[in-house]
Amino acid sequence: YNDQKELVKKYAGQGYVVADVIEAAVCILVEFVASGEYLFGREPITYTRCAQSVRGQYPVVVGGFGSDGLDVDNFDFDDDDYGVAALRKF
């Protein structure tokens, strides 16, 4: 996760940041309303790590979006299978 955050920092001058939980959730939901597309969906199941963490250690994740809703959770382990989506702030 720390390596992923460093990758996003390389693009900070262009306005990119690691999204906060609310920013990630709102962007995912707005895209669904606009296009009907499930970003960070279930086929395959995907999540993005966010800037907030639980117990200062494990990042909150948003994703697994499907017809029954959007998951907001944390995983109390660090796994290379989870990524970070950069958010561009204007």
Protein backbone atom coordinates (compact mmCIF):
# COMPACT_ATOMS: atom_id res chain seq x y z
CA TYR A 1 0.00 0.00 0.00
CA ASN A 2 2.82 2.40 0.80
CA ASP A 3 4.38 1.73 -2.61
CA GLN A 4 1.03 2.40 -4.26
CA LYS A 5 0.63 5.70 -2.41
CA GLU A 6 4.10 6.72 -3.59
CA LEU A 7 3.09 6.02 -7.21
CA VAL A 8 0.11 8.35 -6.86
CA LYS A 9 2.33 11.05 -5.30
CA LYS A 10 4.36 11.13 -8.53
CA TYR A 11 1.28 12.64 -10.17
CA ALA A 12 0.34 15.05 -7.38
CA GLY A 13 1.45 17.99 -9.54
CA GLN A 14 -1.27 17.02 -12.01
CA GLY A 15 -3.91 16.98 -9.29
CA TYR A 16 -3.97 13.26 -8.43
CA VAL A 17 -4.42 11.97 -4.88
CA VAL A 18 -5.45 8.78 -3.12
CA ALA A 19 -9.21 9.19 -2.68
CA ASP A 20 -10.94 9.63 0.64
CA VAL A 21 -13.67 7.08 1.36
CA ILE A 22 -16.51 9.50 0.62
CA GLU A 23 -14.84 10.67 -2.62
CA ALA A 24 -14.40 7.11 -3.86
CA ALA A 25 -17.97 6.15 -2.99
CA VAL A 26 -19.48 9.26 -4.59
CA CYS A 27 -17.46 8.86 -7.81
CA ILE A 28 -18.40 5.20 -8.11
CA LEU A 29 -22.10 5.92 -7.50
CA VAL A 30 -22.22 8.94 -9.83
CA GLU A 31 -20.68 6.88 -12.64
CA PHE A 32 -23.37 4.25 -12.09
CA VAL A 33 -26.15 6.85 -12.25
CA ALA A 34 -24.64 8.44 -15.39
CA SER A 35 -23.76 5.29 -17.33
CA GLY A 36 -25.18 2.25 -15.54
CA GLU A 37 -21.64 0.86 -15.21
CA TYR A 38 -20.52 -0.81 -11.97
CA LEU A 39 -17.00 0.52 -11.35
CA PHE A 40 -15.10 -1.58 -8.82
CA GLY A 41 -17.65 -4.31 -9.35
CA ARG A 42 -17.99 -8.01 -8.74
CA GLU A 43 -17.00 -9.57 -12.04
CA PRO A 44 -14.16 -9.61 -11.18
CA ILE A 45 -14.51 -8.36 -7.63
CA THR A 46 -12.42 -5.21 -7.21
CA TYR A 47 -11.79 -2.62 -4.53
CA THR A 48 -9.78 0.55 -4.19
CA ARG A 49 -7.87 1.40 -1.05
CA CYS A 50 -8.60 4.84 0.35
CA ALA A 51 -6.67 7.45 2.31
CA GLN A 52 -8.33 6.61 5.64
CA SER A 53 -7.24 3.66 7.70
CA VAL A 54 -8.53 1.59 10.60
CA ARG A 55 -6.38 1.60 13.73
CA GLY A 56 -3.90 3.70 11.76
CA GLN A 57 -2.80 0.60 9.92
CA TYR A 58 -5.29 -0.98 7.52
CA PRO A 59 -6.73 1.11 4.68
CA VAL A 60 -10.47 1.38 4.23
CA VAL A 61 -11.56 -0.10 0.89
CA VAL A 62 -14.51 0.74 -1.36
CA GLY A 63 -15.81 -1.54 -4.09
CA GLY A 64 -17.45 -4.88 -4.69
CA PHE A 65 -20.28 -2.88 -6.26
CA GLY A 66 -23.28 -4.84 -7.45
CA SER A 67 -27.05 -4.70 -7.60
CA ASP A 68 -27.29 -4.98 -3.82
CA GLY A 69 -24.97 -2.04 -3.14
CA LEU A 70 -21.45 -0.78 -2.61
CA ASP A 71 -19.14 -2.25 0.04
CA VAL A 72 -17.16 -0.03 2.38
CA ASP A 73 -14.92 -2.14 4.58
CA ASN A 74 -11.40 -2.69 5.79
CA PHE A 75 -9.22 -5.72 5.48
CA ASP A 76 -6.93 -6.28 8.44
CA PHE A 77 -4.10 -7.53 6.27
CA ASP A 78 -1.93 -6.11 3.52
CA ASP A 79 -2.32 -7.98 0.26
CA ASP A 80 -0.77 -7.19 -3.10
CA ASP A 81 -4.06 -8.11 -4.78
CA TYR A 82 -5.67 -4.82 -3.70
CA GLY A 83 -4.94 -1.59 -5.51
CA VAL A 84 -5.31 2.16 -5.33
CA ALA A 85 -7.23 4.23 -7.87
CA ALA A 86 -5.93 7.76 -8.20
CA LEU A 87 -8.51 10.55 -8.02
CA ARG A 88 -7.94 13.76 -9.95
CA LYS A 89 -9.02 16.90 -8.12
CA PHE A 90 -9.66 19.99 -10.20
